[in-house]
Amino acid sequence: MKNKVALSVRFPQDLYERLKAVAEQNWRSLNAEILAAIEDHIRRNTKEKEA
C-alpha cells in the first residue's frame, strides 16, 4: 500500500448501511464511496471549490 494510510473508523450501524447502499448504487466499493464522500466534503468546504 504505497502512499496510503490504513485507518480504522467506527460507524453507527445505520450510517454504515446507508453508505453501503449508496456505494452499491454508484457501483463502487465501500472504501471508494467513503473516499469520494470525504473528497467531496473537503472540496465543498475549502478553497478548492474556488479553483
C-alpha atoms as a PDB file:
ATOM      1  CA  MET A   1       0.000   0.000   0.000  1.00  0.00           C
ATOM      2  CA  LYS A   2       2.368   2.662  -1.235  1.00  0.00           C
ATOM      3  CA  ASN A   3       1.377   6.228  -0.291  1.00  0.00           C
ATOM      4  CA  LYS A   4      -1.714   5.016   1.535  1.00  0.00           C
ATOM      5  CA  VAL A   5      -2.594   5.000   5.205  1.00  0.00           C
ATOM      6  CA  ALA A   6      -4.797   2.364   6.786  1.00  0.00           C
ATOM      7  CA  LEU A   7      -7.348   3.847   9.151  1.00  0.00           C
ATOM      8  CA  SER A   8      -9.836   2.098  11.352  1.00  0.00           C
ATOM      9  CA  VAL A   9     -13.087   4.020  11.766  1.00  0.00           C
ATOM     10  CA  ARG A  10     -16.197   3.089  13.721  1.00  0.00           C
ATOM     11  CA  PHE A  11     -19.559   3.904  12.112  1.00  0.00           C
ATOM     12  CA  PRO A  12     -23.013   3.736  13.627  1.00  0.00           C
ATOM     13  CA  GLN A  13     -24.805   0.717  12.111  1.00  0.00           C
ATOM     14  CA  ASP A  14     -27.417   2.857  10.316  1.00  0.00           C
ATOM     15  CA  LEU A  15     -24.784   5.082   8.679  1.00  0.00           C
ATOM     16  CA  TYR A  16     -22.816   2.012   7.613  1.00  0.00           C
ATOM     17  CA  GLU A  17     -25.921   0.548   5.956  1.00  0.00           C
ATOM     18  CA  ARG A  18     -26.666   3.832   4.186  1.00  0.00           C
ATOM     19  CA  LEU A  19     -23.082   4.149   2.933  1.00  0.00           C
ATOM     20  CA  LYS A  20     -23.133   0.567   1.729  1.00  0.00           C
ATOM     21  CA  ALA A  21     -26.376   1.169  -0.201  1.00  0.00           C
ATOM     22  CA  VAL A  22     -25.027   4.340  -1.833  1.00  0.00           C
ATOM     23  CA  ALA A  23     -21.804   2.547  -2.784  1.00  0.00           C
ATOM     24  CA  GLU A  24     -23.813  -0.192  -4.485  1.00  0.00           C
ATOM     25  CA  GLN A  25     -25.898   2.382  -6.371  1.00  0.00           C
ATOM     26  CA  ASN A  26     -22.701   4.060  -7.582  1.00  0.00           C
ATOM     27  CA  TRP A  27     -21.014   0.749  -8.483  1.00  0.00           C
ATOM     28  CA  ARG A  28     -18.206   1.495  -6.021  1.00  0.00           C
ATOM     29  CA  SER A  29     -16.601  -0.383  -3.190  1.00  0.00           C
ATOM     30  CA  LEU A  30     -17.468   0.869   0.273  1.00  0.00           C
ATOM     31  CA  ASN A  31     -13.918   2.204   0.594  1.00  0.00           C
ATOM     32  CA  ALA A  32     -14.154   4.097  -2.715  1.00  0.00           C
ATOM     33  CA  GLU A  33     -17.529   5.564  -1.724  1.00  0.00           C
ATOM     34  CA  ILE A  34     -16.185   6.785   1.618  1.00  0.00           C
ATOM     35  CA  LEU A  35     -13.173   8.371  -0.099  1.00  0.00           C
ATOM     36  CA  ALA A  36     -15.423  10.062  -2.686  1.00  0.00           C
ATOM     37  CA  ALA A  37     -17.689  11.415   0.068  1.00  0.00           C
ATOM     38  CA  ILE A  38     -14.755  12.769   2.061  1.00  0.00           C
ATOM     39  CA  GLU A  39     -13.154  14.336  -1.020  1.00  0.00           C
ATOM     40  CA  ASP A  40     -16.480  15.967  -1.962  1.00  0.00           C
ATOM     41  CA  HIS A  41     -16.944  17.307   1.560  1.00  0.00           C
ATOM     42  CA  ILE A  42     -13.425  18.753   1.660  1.00  0.00           C
ATOM     43  CA  ARG A  43     -13.804  20.279  -1.818  1.00  0.00           C
ATOM     44  CA  ARG A  44     -17.055  21.999  -0.798  1.00  0.00           C
ATOM     45  CA  ASN A  45     -15.614  23.252   2.490  1.00  0.00           C
ATOM     46  CA  THR A  46     -12.198  24.550   1.419  1.00  0.00           C
ATOM     47  CA  LYS A  47     -10.740  26.950  -1.071  1.00  0.00           C
ATOM     48  CA  GLU A  48     -10.574  24.099  -3.611  1.00  0.00           C
ATOM     49  CA  LYS A  49     -14.157  24.974  -4.531  1.00  0.00           C
ATOM     50  CA  GLU A  50     -12.961  28.369  -5.803  1.00  0.00           C
ATOM     51  CA  ALA A  51     -10.437  26.832  -8.220  1.00  0.00           C
END
